[in-house]
């Protein structure tokens, strides 16, 4: 292989290496300093004259069949040890990814048989999806169903990175129209995954973004019991995230009938306690305040009282312990909690 063909290949490999490797803790994406472009076709990559020259034109260690070899479409160059992080690549924001880079990552995601590679690609796409321009591009490239397909991946970490990527994509209103069809699958992941797992947390974050507006909240009306159950069995992080969804839903008067009829663990009321962490208690009080602002007719109230273990009986009925517990929280050392309690009681 002549020197004239090694240089452009090296440039392409370094550029791609930056895209994939840069998805780690630094949250960065590496690109070629200038002029280099990705070549999807092997023949064009080898026939075109070099557009970028590295100051260290030595070969990158690239294994046959690896992620870089697959995405770049290049032959594997016989390696010579080198610092792949130096030379013609620099640390840049994922917002600087170009459209062809996103296309290539989506293509490689569909063909990769290595869970570690899939995780890295999904992490890179998720970081890129924090930017509006990339959210739109991924949708236009039909990337949302591609990414969502990995909600069923057999590897848990791949499913986690899929949820994280979809969560960022969900910050785009237009993307939500496509993402709403995956709500049943996301709810199933919450129900079937280990308690306090990253899978549950990632799924709840996605549902939080999807429920910010009232347009798709009706898709979650059957999930209220699941969310209430998480409150009494989960750690603080999951409690906070579940309450964010519940607060969103209870802010919509049209959802209130479904919420108060949902079956609820009787122990939910025990969370209204000074020993509950402030981050959880504040959101719990916001949720309770939204419920208290709803006033059922006498007929509806009678019907709800006949429903065994429904949320209305646990928190809103006259027989509920909630009122006495709220009175006790008036002496809570946190002033914001005191103010929330006072608003509910007045």
C-alpha atoms as a PDB file:
ATOM      1  CA  UNK A   1       0.000   0.000   0.000  1.00  0.00           C
ATOM      2  CA  UNK A   2       1.581   3.307  -1.109  1.00  0.00           C
ATOM      3  CA  UNK A   3       2.064   6.371   1.063  1.00  0.00           C
ATOM      4  CA  UNK A   4      -0.349   8.342  -1.101  1.00  0.00           C
ATOM      5  CA  UNK A   5      -3.276   6.117  -0.033  1.00  0.00           C
ATOM      6  CA  UNK A   6      -2.338   5.824   3.636  1.00  0.00           C
ATOM      7  CA  UNK A   7      -2.638   9.543   4.371  1.00  0.00           C
ATOM      8  CA  UNK A   8      -6.305  10.085   3.459  1.00  0.00           C
ATOM      9  CA  UNK A   9      -7.224   6.821   5.164  1.00  0.00           C
ATOM     10  CA  UNK A  10      -5.489   7.971   8.280  1.00  0.00           C
ATOM     11  CA  UNK A  11      -7.371  11.256   8.170  1.00  0.00           C
ATOM     12  CA  UNK A  12     -10.716   9.492   7.875  1.00  0.00           C
ATOM     13  CA  UNK A  13      -9.933   7.044  10.661  1.00  0.00           C
ATOM     14  CA  UNK A  14      -8.887   9.825  12.997  1.00  0.00           C
ATOM     15  CA  UNK A  15     -12.015  11.799  12.276  1.00  0.00           C
ATOM     16  CA  UNK A  16     -14.228   8.796  12.962  1.00  0.00           C
ATOM     17  CA  UNK A  17     -12.231   7.884  16.031  1.00  0.00           C
ATOM     18  CA  UNK A  18     -13.011  11.309  17.397  1.00  0.00           C
ATOM     19  CA  UNK A  19     -16.741  10.873  16.854  1.00  0.00           C
ATOM     20  CA  UNK A  20     -16.961   7.518  18.613  1.00  0.00           C
ATOM     21  CA  UNK A  21     -14.298   7.818  21.296  1.00  0.00           C
ATOM     22  CA  UNK A  22     -15.320  11.351  22.155  1.00  0.00           C
ATOM     23  CA  UNK A  23     -18.627  10.127  23.592  1.00  0.00           C
ATOM     24  CA  UNK A  24     -17.011   9.244  26.897  1.00  0.00           C
ATOM     25  CA  UNK A  25     -16.723  11.146  30.150  1.00  0.00           C
ATOM     26  CA  UNK A  26     -15.502  14.322  28.450  1.00  0.00           C
ATOM     27  CA  UNK A  27     -18.830  14.592  26.579  1.00  0.00           C
ATOM     28  CA  UNK A  28     -16.743  15.733  23.626  1.00  0.00           C
ATOM     29  CA  UNK A  29     -16.569  14.840  19.967  1.00  0.00           C
ATOM     30  CA  UNK A  30     -13.341  14.782  18.012  1.00  0.00           C
ATOM     31  CA  UNK A  31     -13.089  15.924  14.416  1.00  0.00           C
ATOM     32  CA  UNK A  32     -10.423  16.466  11.824  1.00  0.00           C
ATOM     33  CA  UNK A  33      -8.840  19.927  12.116  1.00  0.00           C
ATOM     34  CA  UNK A  34      -9.579  20.938   8.555  1.00  0.00           C
ATOM     35  CA  UNK A  35     -10.703  19.725   5.200  1.00  0.00           C
ATOM     36  CA  UNK A  36     -11.130  16.043   5.950  1.00  0.00           C
ATOM     37  CA  UNK A  37     -14.389  14.326   5.031  1.00  0.00           C
ATOM     38  CA  UNK A  38     -15.842  10.896   5.661  1.00  0.00           C
ATOM     39  CA  UNK A  39     -15.895   8.576   2.674  1.00  0.00           C
ATOM     40  CA  UNK A  40     -18.629   5.995   2.643  1.00  0.00           C
ATOM     41  CA  UNK A  41     -17.243   4.301  -0.461  1.00  0.00           C
ATOM     42  CA  UNK A  42     -14.008   2.378  -0.217  1.00  0.00           C
ATOM     43  CA  UNK A  43     -13.006   3.093  -3.797  1.00  0.00           C
ATOM     44  CA  UNK A  44     -13.442   6.857  -3.516  1.00  0.00           C
ATOM     45  CA  UNK A  45     -11.507   6.865  -0.246  1.00  0.00           C
ATOM     46  CA  UNK A  46      -8.510   5.251  -1.881  1.00  0.00           C
ATOM     47  CA  UNK A  47      -8.599   7.037  -5.220  1.00  0.00           C
ATOM     48  CA  UNK A  48      -8.976  10.658  -4.165  1.00  0.00           C
ATOM     49  CA  UNK A  49      -5.917  12.739  -3.459  1.00  0.00           C
ATOM     50  CA  UNK A  50      -5.242  13.628   0.198  1.00  0.00           C
ATOM     51  CA  UNK A  51      -7.077  16.694   1.406  1.00  0.00           C
ATOM     52  CA  UNK A  52      -5.529  16.709   4.880  1.00  0.00           C
ATOM     53  CA  UNK A  53      -2.026  15.866   5.970  1.00  0.00           C
ATOM     54  CA  UNK A  54      -1.338  14.900   9.544  1.00  0.00           C
ATOM     55  CA  UNK A  55       1.821  16.077  11.203  1.00  0.00           C
ATOM     56  CA  UNK A  56       2.325  12.425  12.228  1.00  0.00           C
ATOM     57  CA  UNK A  57       1.404  10.340   9.176  1.00  0.00           C
ATOM     58  CA  UNK A  58       1.646   6.996  10.939  1.00  0.00           C
ATOM     59  CA  UNK A  59      -1.034   4.325  10.881  1.00  0.00           C
ATOM     60  CA  UNK A  60      -3.697   4.021  13.594  1.00  0.00           C
ATOM     61  CA  UNK A  61      -4.136   0.708  15.362  1.00  0.00           C
ATOM     62  CA  UNK A  62      -7.416  -0.481  13.833  1.00  0.00           C
ATOM     63  CA  UNK A  63      -8.589  -4.056  14.138  1.00  0.00           C
ATOM     64  CA  UNK A  64     -10.392  -5.825  11.278  1.00  0.00           C
ATOM     65  CA  UNK A  65     -14.136  -5.789  11.859  1.00  0.00           C
ATOM     66  CA  UNK A  66     -13.910  -3.060  14.501  1.00  0.00           C
ATOM     67  CA  UNK A  67     -16.321  -0.153  14.807  1.00  0.00           C
ATOM     68  CA  UNK A  68     -13.949   2.267  13.118  1.00  0.00           C
ATOM     69  CA  UNK A  69     -13.315  -0.081  10.210  1.00  0.00           C
ATOM     70  CA  UNK A  70     -17.042  -0.635   9.694  1.00  0.00           C
ATOM     71  CA  UNK A  71     -18.147   2.984   9.843  1.00  0.00           C
ATOM     72  CA  UNK A  72     -15.293   4.438   7.833  1.00  0.00           C
ATOM     73  CA  UNK A  73     -15.555   1.840   5.084  1.00  0.00           C
ATOM     74  CA  UNK A  74     -11.765   1.690   4.882  1.00  0.00           C
ATOM     75  CA  UNK A  75      -9.378  -1.208   4.663  1.00  0.00           C
ATOM     76  CA  UNK A  76      -7.545  -1.938   7.897  1.00  0.00           C
ATOM     77  CA  UNK A  77      -4.072  -0.444   7.806  1.00  0.00           C
ATOM     78  CA  UNK A  78      -1.287  -2.551   9.286  1.00  0.00           C
ATOM     79  CA  UNK A  79      -0.780  -0.860  12.629  1.00  0.00           C
ATOM     80  CA  UNK A  80       2.188   0.975  13.983  1.00  0.00           C
ATOM     81  CA  UNK A  81       1.922   2.240  17.587  1.00  0.00           C
ATOM     82  CA  UNK A  82       0.907   5.879  17.738  1.00  0.00           C
ATOM     83  CA  UNK A  83      -0.957   8.315  19.922  1.00  0.00           C
ATOM     84  CA  UNK A  84      -4.387   8.327  18.259  1.00  0.00           C
ATOM     85  CA  UNK A  85      -5.444  11.326  20.325  1.00  0.00           C
ATOM     86  CA  UNK A  86      -2.765  13.591  18.819  1.00  0.00           C
ATOM     87  CA  UNK A  87      -2.060  14.935  15.372  1.00  0.00           C
ATOM     88  CA  UNK A  88      -4.930  16.270  13.296  1.00  0.00           C
ATOM     89  CA  UNK A  89      -7.814  15.861  15.765  1.00  0.00           C
ATOM     90  CA  UNK A  90      -9.072  18.312  18.364  1.00  0.00           C
ATOM     91  CA  UNK A  91     -11.653  18.309  21.091  1.00  0.00           C
ATOM     92  CA  UNK A  92     -14.935  19.853  19.941  1.00  0.00           C
ATOM     93  CA  UNK A  93     -18.566  19.998  20.947  1.00  0.00           C
ATOM     94  CA  UNK A  94     -21.023  17.298  19.789  1.00  0.00           C
ATOM     95  CA  UNK A  95     -23.012  20.199  18.383  1.00  0.00           C
ATOM     96  CA  UNK A  96     -20.404  20.391  15.604  1.00  0.00           C
ATOM     97  CA  UNK A  97     -21.208  16.945  14.214  1.00  0.00           C
ATOM     98  CA  UNK A  98     -22.019  17.169  10.536  1.00  0.00           C
ATOM     99  CA  UNK A  99     -25.077  15.488   8.968  1.00  0.00           C
ATOM    100  CA  UNK A 100     -23.040  12.758   7.275  1.00  0.00           C
ATOM    101  CA  UNK A 101     -21.520  11.800  10.627  1.00  0.00           C
ATOM    102  CA  UNK A 102     -24.965  11.222  12.122  1.00  0.00           C
ATOM    103  CA  UNK A 103     -25.988   9.161   9.101  1.00  0.00           C
ATOM    104  CA  UNK A 104     -22.900   6.986   9.419  1.00  0.00           C
ATOM    105  CA  UNK A 105     -23.408   6.431  13.137  1.00  0.00           C
ATOM    106  CA  UNK A 106     -27.038   5.415  12.581  1.00  0.00           C
ATOM    107  CA  UNK A 107     -25.955   3.043   9.824  1.00  0.00           C
ATOM    108  CA  UNK A 108     -23.275   1.466  11.978  1.00  0.00           C
ATOM    109  CA  UNK A 109     -25.678   1.140  14.895  1.00  0.00           C
ATOM    110  CA  UNK A 110     -27.896  -1.098  12.782  1.00  0.00           C
ATOM    111  CA  UNK A 111     -25.055  -3.378  11.702  1.00  0.00           C
ATOM    112  CA  UNK A 112     -22.987  -3.628  14.892  1.00  0.00           C
ATOM    113  CA  UNK A 113     -23.007  -7.005  16.620  1.00  0.00           C
ATOM    114  CA  UNK A 114     -20.872  -5.783  19.529  1.00  0.00           C
ATOM    115  CA  UNK A 115     -22.806  -4.511  22.601  1.00  0.00           C
ATOM    116  CA  UNK A 116     -19.903  -2.283  23.619  1.00  0.00           C
ATOM    117  CA  UNK A 117     -19.886  -0.629  20.206  1.00  0.00           C
ATOM    118  CA  UNK A 118     -23.649  -0.139  20.305  1.00  0.00           C
ATOM    119  CA  UNK A 119     -23.338   1.546  23.702  1.00  0.00           C
ATOM    120  CA  UNK A 120     -20.647   3.925  22.425  1.00  0.00           C
ATOM    121  CA  UNK A 121     -22.637   4.832  19.316  1.00  0.00           C
ATOM    122  CA  UNK A 122     -25.832   5.405  21.298  1.00  0.00           C
ATOM    123  CA  UNK A 123     -23.931   7.526  23.822  1.00  0.00           C
ATOM    124  CA  UNK A 124     -22.520   9.645  20.997  1.00  0.00           C
ATOM    125  CA  UNK A 125     -25.941  10.036  19.373  1.00  0.00           C
ATOM    126  CA  UNK A 126     -27.482  10.878  22.736  1.00  0.00           C
ATOM    127  CA  UNK A 127     -24.887  13.577  23.398  1.00  0.00           C
ATOM    128  CA  UNK A 128     -25.422  14.975  19.917  1.00  0.00           C
ATOM    129  CA  UNK A 129     -29.196  14.970  20.485  1.00  0.00           C
ATOM    130  CA  UNK A 130     -28.778  17.558  23.231  1.00  0.00           C
ATOM    131  CA  UNK A 131     -28.630  20.079  20.357  1.00  0.00           C
ATOM    132  CA  UNK A 132     -31.777  21.122  18.483  1.00  0.00           C
ATOM    133  CA  UNK A 133     -30.152  20.922  15.051  1.00  0.00           C
ATOM    134  CA  UNK A 134     -29.169  17.306  15.670  1.00  0.00           C
ATOM    135  CA  UNK A 135     -32.579  16.444  17.110  1.00  0.00           C
ATOM    136  CA  UNK A 136     -34.106  17.569  13.832  1.00  0.00           C
ATOM    137  CA  UNK A 137     -31.496  15.830  11.682  1.00  0.00           C
ATOM    138  CA  UNK A 138     -31.874  12.486  13.463  1.00  0.00           C
ATOM    139  CA  UNK A 139     -35.643  12.669  12.938  1.00  0.00           C
ATOM    140  CA  UNK A 140     -35.225  13.607   9.270  1.00  0.00           C
ATOM    141  CA  UNK A 141     -32.800  10.710   8.789  1.00  0.00           C
ATOM    142  CA  UNK A 142     -35.473   8.373  10.249  1.00  0.00           C
ATOM    143  CA  UNK A 143     -33.151   7.722  13.144  1.00  0.00           C
ATOM    144  CA  UNK A 144     -35.754   7.708  15.918  1.00  0.00           C
ATOM    145  CA  UNK A 145     -37.191   4.254  15.087  1.00  0.00           C
ATOM    146  CA  UNK A 146     -33.649   3.000  14.507  1.00  0.00           C
ATOM    147  CA  UNK A 147     -32.583   4.078  17.988  1.00  0.00           C
ATOM    148  CA  UNK A 148     -35.862   3.018  19.634  1.00  0.00           C
ATOM    149  CA  UNK A 149     -35.424  -0.464  18.193  1.00  0.00           C
ATOM    150  CA  UNK A 150     -32.701  -1.048  20.764  1.00  0.00           C
ATOM    151  CA  UNK A 151     -35.186  -0.785  23.637  1.00  0.00           C
ATOM    152  CA  UNK A 152     -35.418  -4.555  23.138  1.00  0.00           C
ATOM    153  CA  UNK A 153     -31.661  -5.158  23.037  1.00  0.00           C
ATOM    154  CA  UNK A 154     -30.650  -8.132  25.192  1.00  0.00           C
ATOM    155  CA  UNK A 155     -27.877  -6.086  26.846  1.00  0.00           C
ATOM    156  CA  UNK A 156     -29.141  -3.904  29.712  1.00  0.00           C
ATOM    157  CA  UNK A 157     -26.550  -1.163  29.196  1.00  0.00           C
ATOM    158  CA  UNK A 158     -27.559  -0.834  25.541  1.00  0.00           C
ATOM    159  CA  UNK A 159     -31.170  -0.349  26.647  1.00  0.00           C
ATOM    160  CA  UNK A 160     -30.021   2.297  29.142  1.00  0.00           C
ATOM    161  CA  UNK A 161     -28.118   4.239  26.481  1.00  0.00           C
ATOM    162  CA  UNK A 162     -31.118   3.910  24.158  1.00  0.00           C
ATOM    163  CA  UNK A 163     -33.380   5.493  26.770  1.00  0.00           C
ATOM    164  CA  UNK A 164     -30.873   8.285  27.362  1.00  0.00           C
ATOM    165  CA  UNK A 165     -30.681   9.064  23.645  1.00  0.00           C
ATOM    166  CA  UNK A 166     -34.483   9.023  23.295  1.00  0.00           C
ATOM    167  CA  UNK A 167     -34.756  11.258  26.346  1.00  0.00           C
ATOM    168  CA  UNK A 168     -32.695  13.981  24.653  1.00  0.00           C
ATOM    169  CA  UNK A 169     -34.579  13.524  21.401  1.00  0.00           C
ATOM    170  CA  UNK A 170     -37.824  13.936  23.351  1.00  0.00           C
ATOM    171  CA  UNK A 171     -36.959  17.536  24.191  1.00  0.00           C
ATOM    172  CA  UNK A 172     -38.073  18.306  20.631  1.00  0.00           C
ATOM    173  CA  UNK A 173     -41.861  18.671  20.242  1.00  0.00           C
ATOM    174  CA  UNK A 174     -41.856  17.276  16.705  1.00  0.00           C
ATOM    175  CA  UNK A 175     -39.897  14.242  17.847  1.00  0.00           C
ATOM    176  CA  UNK A 176     -42.492  13.521  20.519  1.00  0.00           C
ATOM    177  CA  UNK A 177     -44.992  12.678  17.790  1.00  0.00           C
ATOM    178  CA  UNK A 178     -42.807   9.704  16.858  1.00  0.00           C
ATOM    179  CA  UNK A 179     -41.700   8.837  20.376  1.00  0.00           C
ATOM    180  CA  UNK A 180     -45.224   8.556  21.806  1.00  0.00           C
ATOM    181  CA  UNK A 181     -45.727   5.138  20.179  1.00  0.00           C
ATOM    182  CA  UNK A 182     -43.002   3.691  22.413  1.00  0.00           C
ATOM    183  CA  UNK A 183     -44.736   4.621  25.686  1.00  0.00           C
ATOM    184  CA  UNK A 184     -46.126   1.080  26.272  1.00  0.00           C
ATOM    185  CA  UNK A 185     -42.647  -0.390  25.775  1.00  0.00           C
ATOM    186  CA  UNK A 186     -41.079   2.156  28.140  1.00  0.00           C
ATOM    187  CA  UNK A 187     -43.689   1.421  30.806  1.00  0.00           C
ATOM    188  CA  UNK A 188     -43.006  -2.273  30.399  1.00  0.00           C
ATOM    189  CA  UNK A 189     -39.300  -1.629  30.955  1.00  0.00           C
ATOM    190  CA  UNK A 190     -40.104   0.153  34.223  1.00  0.00           C
ATOM    191  CA  UNK A 191     -42.332  -2.675  35.386  1.00  0.00           C
ATOM    192  CA  UNK A 192     -39.998  -5.522  34.415  1.00  0.00           C
ATOM    193  CA  UNK A 193     -36.617  -3.999  35.339  1.00  0.00           C
ATOM    194  CA  UNK A 194     -34.947  -4.341  38.746  1.00  0.00           C
ATOM    195  CA  UNK A 195     -36.012  -1.734  41.288  1.00  0.00           C
ATOM    196  CA  UNK A 196     -33.667   1.281  41.438  1.00  0.00           C
ATOM    197  CA  UNK A 197     -31.949   0.249  38.234  1.00  0.00           C
ATOM    198  CA  UNK A 198     -30.582   2.650  35.627  1.00  0.00           C
ATOM    199  CA  UNK A 199     -33.197   1.235  33.273  1.00  0.00           C
ATOM    200  CA  UNK A 200     -36.030   2.432  35.489  1.00  0.00           C
ATOM    201  CA  UNK A 201     -34.406   5.813  35.979  1.00  0.00           C
ATOM    202  CA  UNK A 202     -33.808   6.313  32.255  1.00  0.00           C
ATOM    203  CA  UNK A 203     -37.368   5.298  31.415  1.00  0.00           C
ATOM    204  CA  UNK A 204     -38.826   7.720  33.983  1.00  0.00           C
ATOM    205  CA  UNK A 205     -36.704  10.558  32.625  1.00  0.00           C
ATOM    206  CA  UNK A 206     -38.087   9.906  29.162  1.00  0.00           C
ATOM    207  CA  UNK A 207     -41.664   9.904  30.480  1.00  0.00           C
ATOM    208  CA  UNK A 208     -40.970  13.145  32.349  1.00  0.00           C
ATOM    209  CA  UNK A 209     -40.036  14.949  29.139  1.00  0.00           C
ATOM    210  CA  UNK A 210     -42.936  13.397  27.262  1.00  0.00           C
ATOM    211  CA  UNK A 211     -45.416  14.565  29.918  1.00  0.00           C
ATOM    212  CA  UNK A 212     -44.255  18.183  30.210  1.00  0.00           C
ATOM    213  CA  UNK A 213     -47.142  19.299  27.990  1.00  0.00           C
ATOM    214  CA  UNK A 214     -50.648  17.872  28.161  1.00  0.00           C
ATOM    215  CA  UNK A 215     -50.661  16.644  24.562  1.00  0.00           C
ATOM    216  CA  UNK A 216     -49.505  13.099  25.321  1.00  0.00           C
ATOM    217  CA  UNK A 217     -50.343  12.811  29.012  1.00  0.00           C
ATOM    218  CA  UNK A 218     -53.394  10.657  28.291  1.00  0.00           C
ATOM    219  CA  UNK A 219     -50.988   7.897  27.225  1.00  0.00           C
ATOM    220  CA  UNK A 220     -49.861   7.633  30.853  1.00  0.00           C
ATOM    221  CA  UNK A 221     -53.235   7.421  32.580  1.00  0.00           C
ATOM    222  CA  UNK A 222     -52.820   3.676  33.137  1.00  0.00           C
ATOM    223  CA  UNK A 223     -49.366   4.190  34.652  1.00  0.00           C
ATOM    224  CA  UNK A 224     -50.409   6.074  37.803  1.00  0.00           C
ATOM    225  CA  UNK A 225     -50.562   2.957  39.987  1.00  0.00           C
ATOM    226  CA  UNK A 226     -47.097   1.924  38.790  1.00  0.00           C
ATOM    227  CA  UNK A 227     -45.695   5.370  39.582  1.00  0.00           C
ATOM    228  CA  UNK A 228     -47.295   5.424  43.036  1.00  0.00           C
ATOM    229  CA  UNK A 229     -45.902   1.978  43.770  1.00  0.00           C
ATOM    230  CA  UNK A 230     -42.402   3.163  42.895  1.00  0.00           C
ATOM    231  CA  UNK A 231     -42.708   5.871  45.540  1.00  0.00           C
ATOM    232  CA  UNK A 232     -42.838   3.335  48.367  1.00  0.00           C
ATOM    233  CA  UNK A 233     -40.168   0.887  47.157  1.00  0.00           C
ATOM    234  CA  UNK A 234     -37.550   3.040  45.409  1.00  0.00           C
ATOM    235  CA  UNK A 235     -34.538   5.097  46.365  1.00  0.00           C
ATOM    236  CA  UNK A 236     -34.526   8.890  46.375  1.00  0.00           C
ATOM    237  CA  UNK A 237     -33.475   9.289  42.734  1.00  0.00           C
ATOM    238  CA  UNK A 238     -36.362   7.184  41.453  1.00  0.00           C
ATOM    239  CA  UNK A 239     -38.830   8.745  43.880  1.00  0.00           C
ATOM    240  CA  UNK A 240     -37.937  12.201  42.580  1.00  0.00           C
ATOM    241  CA  UNK A 241     -38.264  11.123  38.964  1.00  0.00           C
ATOM    242  CA  UNK A 242     -41.575   9.328  39.506  1.00  0.00           C
ATOM    243  CA  UNK A 243     -42.929  12.401  41.301  1.00  0.00           C
ATOM    244  CA  UNK A 244     -41.886  14.642  38.403  1.00  0.00           C
ATOM    245  CA  UNK A 245     -44.155  12.592  36.147  1.00  0.00           C
ATOM    246  CA  UNK A 246     -46.982  12.585  38.697  1.00  0.00           C
ATOM    247  CA  UNK A 247     -46.712  16.364  39.155  1.00  0.00           C
ATOM    248  CA  UNK A 248     -46.871  16.843  35.392  1.00  0.00           C
ATOM    249  CA  UNK A 249     -49.952  14.651  35.096  1.00  0.00           C
ATOM    250  CA  UNK A 250     -51.742  16.199  38.096  1.00  0.00           C
ATOM    251  CA  UNK A 251     -51.245  19.671  36.638  1.00  0.00           C
ATOM    252  CA  UNK A 252     -53.771  18.732  33.961  1.00  0.00           C
ATOM    253  CA  UNK A 253     -57.390  18.864  35.224  1.00  0.00           C
ATOM    254  CA  UNK A 254     -58.438  16.470  32.460  1.00  0.00           C
ATOM    255  CA  UNK A 255     -56.210  13.782  34.005  1.00  0.00           C
ATOM    256  CA  UNK A 256     -57.529  14.131  37.542  1.00  0.00           C
ATOM    257  CA  UNK A 257     -60.361  11.586  37.286  1.00  0.00           C
ATOM    258  CA  UNK A 258     -57.910   8.881  36.202  1.00  0.00           C
ATOM    259  CA  UNK A 259     -55.378   9.830  38.883  1.00  0.00           C
ATOM    260  CA  UNK A 260     -57.702   9.781  41.888  1.00  0.00           C
ATOM    261  CA  UNK A 261     -59.267   6.476  40.792  1.00  0.00           C
ATOM    262  CA  UNK A 262     -55.900   4.735  40.449  1.00  0.00           C
ATOM    263  CA  UNK A 263     -55.089   2.051  42.970  1.00  0.00           C
ATOM    264  CA  UNK A 264     -52.507   3.319  45.452  1.00  0.00           C
ATOM    265  CA  UNK A 265     -50.445   1.700  48.219  1.00  0.00           C
ATOM    266  CA  UNK A 266     -51.796   2.779  51.589  1.00  0.00           C
ATOM    267  CA  UNK A 267     -48.223   3.480  52.699  1.00  0.00           C
ATOM    268  CA  UNK A 268     -47.931   6.438  50.296  1.00  0.00           C
ATOM    269  CA  UNK A 269     -49.337   8.674  53.016  1.00  0.00           C
ATOM    270  CA  UNK A 270     -46.442   7.693  55.309  1.00  0.00           C
ATOM    271  CA  UNK A 271     -44.050   9.583  53.025  1.00  0.00           C
ATOM    272  CA  UNK A 272     -45.520  12.842  54.336  1.00  0.00           C
ATOM    273  CA  UNK A 273     -43.000  12.794  57.151  1.00  0.00           C
ATOM    274  CA  UNK A 274     -40.156  14.981  58.355  1.00  0.00           C
ATOM    275  CA  UNK A 275     -37.746  12.087  57.795  1.00  0.00           C
ATOM    276  CA  UNK A 276     -38.482  12.047  54.057  1.00  0.00           C
ATOM    277  CA  UNK A 277     -35.724  13.818  52.145  1.00  0.00           C
ATOM    278  CA  UNK A 278     -36.612  17.431  51.201  1.00  0.00           C
ATOM    279  CA  UNK A 279     -36.170  16.770  47.451  1.00  0.00           C
ATOM    280  CA  UNK A 280     -38.838  14.057  47.628  1.00  0.00           C
ATOM    281  CA  UNK A 281     -41.090  15.784  50.158  1.00  0.00           C
ATOM    282  CA  UNK A 282     -41.284  19.046  48.212  1.00  0.00           C
ATOM    283  CA  UNK A 283     -42.453  17.277  45.068  1.00  0.00           C
ATOM    284  CA  UNK A 284     -44.805  15.094  47.073  1.00  0.00           C
ATOM    285  CA  UNK A 285     -46.387  18.212  48.531  1.00  0.00           C
ATOM    286  CA  UNK A 286     -46.721  19.740  45.070  1.00  0.00           C
ATOM    287  CA  UNK A 287     -48.490  16.584  43.912  1.00  0.00           C
ATOM    288  CA  UNK A 288     -50.775  16.649  46.960  1.00  0.00           C
ATOM    289  CA  UNK A 289     -51.500  20.343  46.385  1.00  0.00           C
ATOM    290  CA  UNK A 290     -52.595  19.614  42.818  1.00  0.00           C
ATOM    291  CA  UNK A 291     -54.880  16.852  44.097  1.00  0.00           C
ATOM    292  CA  UNK A 292     -56.339  19.075  46.816  1.00  0.00           C
ATOM    293  CA  UNK A 293     -57.164  21.741  44.239  1.00  0.00           C
ATOM    294  CA  UNK A 294     -59.511  19.272  42.563  1.00  0.00           C
ATOM    295  CA  UNK A 295     -63.039  19.218  43.979  1.00  0.00           C
ATOM    296  CA  UNK A 296     -65.273  16.273  43.053  1.00  0.00           C
ATOM    297  CA  UNK A 297     -69.028  16.455  43.080  1.00  0.00           C
ATOM    298  CA  UNK A 298     -70.786  14.717  45.967  1.00  0.00           C
ATOM    299  CA  UNK A 299     -71.836  11.862  43.661  1.00  0.00           C
ATOM    300  CA  UNK A 300     -68.297  11.307  42.363  1.00  0.00           C
ATOM    301  CA  UNK A 301     -66.888  11.448  45.901  1.00  0.00           C
ATOM    302  CA  UNK A 302     -69.338   8.754  47.027  1.00  0.00           C
ATOM    303  CA  UNK A 303     -68.354   6.548  44.107  1.00  0.00           C
ATOM    304  CA  UNK A 304     -64.656   6.997  44.865  1.00  0.00           C
ATOM    305  CA  UNK A 305     -65.146   6.086  48.529  1.00  0.00           C
ATOM    306  CA  UNK A 306     -66.508   2.725  47.396  1.00  0.00           C
ATOM    307  CA  UNK A 307     -63.326   2.024  45.422  1.00  0.00           C
ATOM    308  CA  UNK A 308     -60.973  -0.073  47.498  1.00  0.00           C
ATOM    309  CA  UNK A 309     -57.462   1.355  47.903  1.00  0.00           C
ATOM    310  CA  UNK A 310     -57.864   4.135  45.342  1.00  0.00           C
ATOM    311  CA  UNK A 311     -55.731   7.272  45.657  1.00  0.00           C
ATOM    312  CA  UNK A 312     -58.757   9.345  46.632  1.00  0.00           C
ATOM    313  CA  UNK A 313     -59.277   7.237  49.775  1.00  0.00           C
ATOM    314  CA  UNK A 314     -55.560   7.187  50.603  1.00  0.00           C
ATOM    315  CA  UNK A 315     -54.946  10.942  50.330  1.00  0.00           C
ATOM    316  CA  UNK A 316     -58.158  12.928  49.825  1.00  0.00           C
ATOM    317  CA  UNK A 317     -60.943  11.286  51.781  1.00  0.00           C
ATOM    318  CA  UNK A 318     -61.884  12.575  55.221  1.00  0.00           C
ATOM    319  CA  UNK A 319     -60.648   9.305  56.711  1.00  0.00           C
ATOM    320  CA  UNK A 320     -57.131   9.845  55.299  1.00  0.00           C
ATOM    321  CA  UNK A 321     -54.167  10.510  57.619  1.00  0.00           C
ATOM    322  CA  UNK A 322     -52.894  13.181  55.243  1.00  0.00           C
ATOM    323  CA  UNK A 323     -54.378  16.167  57.078  1.00  0.00           C
ATOM    324  CA  UNK A 324     -52.840  15.288  60.452  1.00  0.00           C
ATOM    325  CA  UNK A 325     -49.480  14.604  58.846  1.00  0.00           C
ATOM    326  CA  UNK A 326     -49.546  17.935  57.046  1.00  0.00           C
ATOM    327  CA  UNK A 327     -50.182  19.740  60.332  1.00  0.00           C
ATOM    328  CA  UNK A 328     -47.080  18.092  61.795  1.00  0.00           C
ATOM    329  CA  UNK A 329     -45.014  19.255  58.810  1.00  0.00           C
ATOM    330  CA  UNK A 330     -45.818  22.900  59.623  1.00  0.00           C
ATOM    331  CA  UNK A 331     -42.909  22.714  62.063  1.00  0.00           C
ATOM    332  CA  UNK A 332     -40.485  21.298  59.467  1.00  0.00           C
ATOM    333  CA  UNK A 333     -37.074  23.051  59.585  1.00  0.00           C
ATOM    334  CA  UNK A 334     -37.157  23.682  55.820  1.00  0.00           C
ATOM    335  CA  UNK A 335     -38.959  26.973  55.167  1.00  0.00           C
ATOM    336  CA  UNK A 336     -39.980  26.010  51.639  1.00  0.00           C
ATOM    337  CA  UNK A 337     -41.640  22.851  52.928  1.00  0.00           C
ATOM    338  CA  UNK A 338     -43.467  24.873  55.585  1.00  0.00           C
ATOM    339  CA  UNK A 339     -44.747  27.250  52.915  1.00  0.00           C
ATOM    340  CA  UNK A 340     -45.938  24.377  50.712  1.00  0.00           C
ATOM    341  CA  UNK A 341     -47.802  22.789  53.614  1.00  0.00           C
ATOM    342  CA  UNK A 342     -49.422  26.091  54.564  1.00  0.00           C
ATOM    343  CA  UNK A 343     -50.685  26.586  51.006  1.00  0.00           C
ATOM    344  CA  UNK A 344     -52.274  23.132  50.999  1.00  0.00           C
ATOM    345  CA  UNK A 345     -53.966  23.618  54.367  1.00  0.00           C
ATOM    346  CA  UNK A 346     -55.425  27.038  53.581  1.00  0.00           C
END
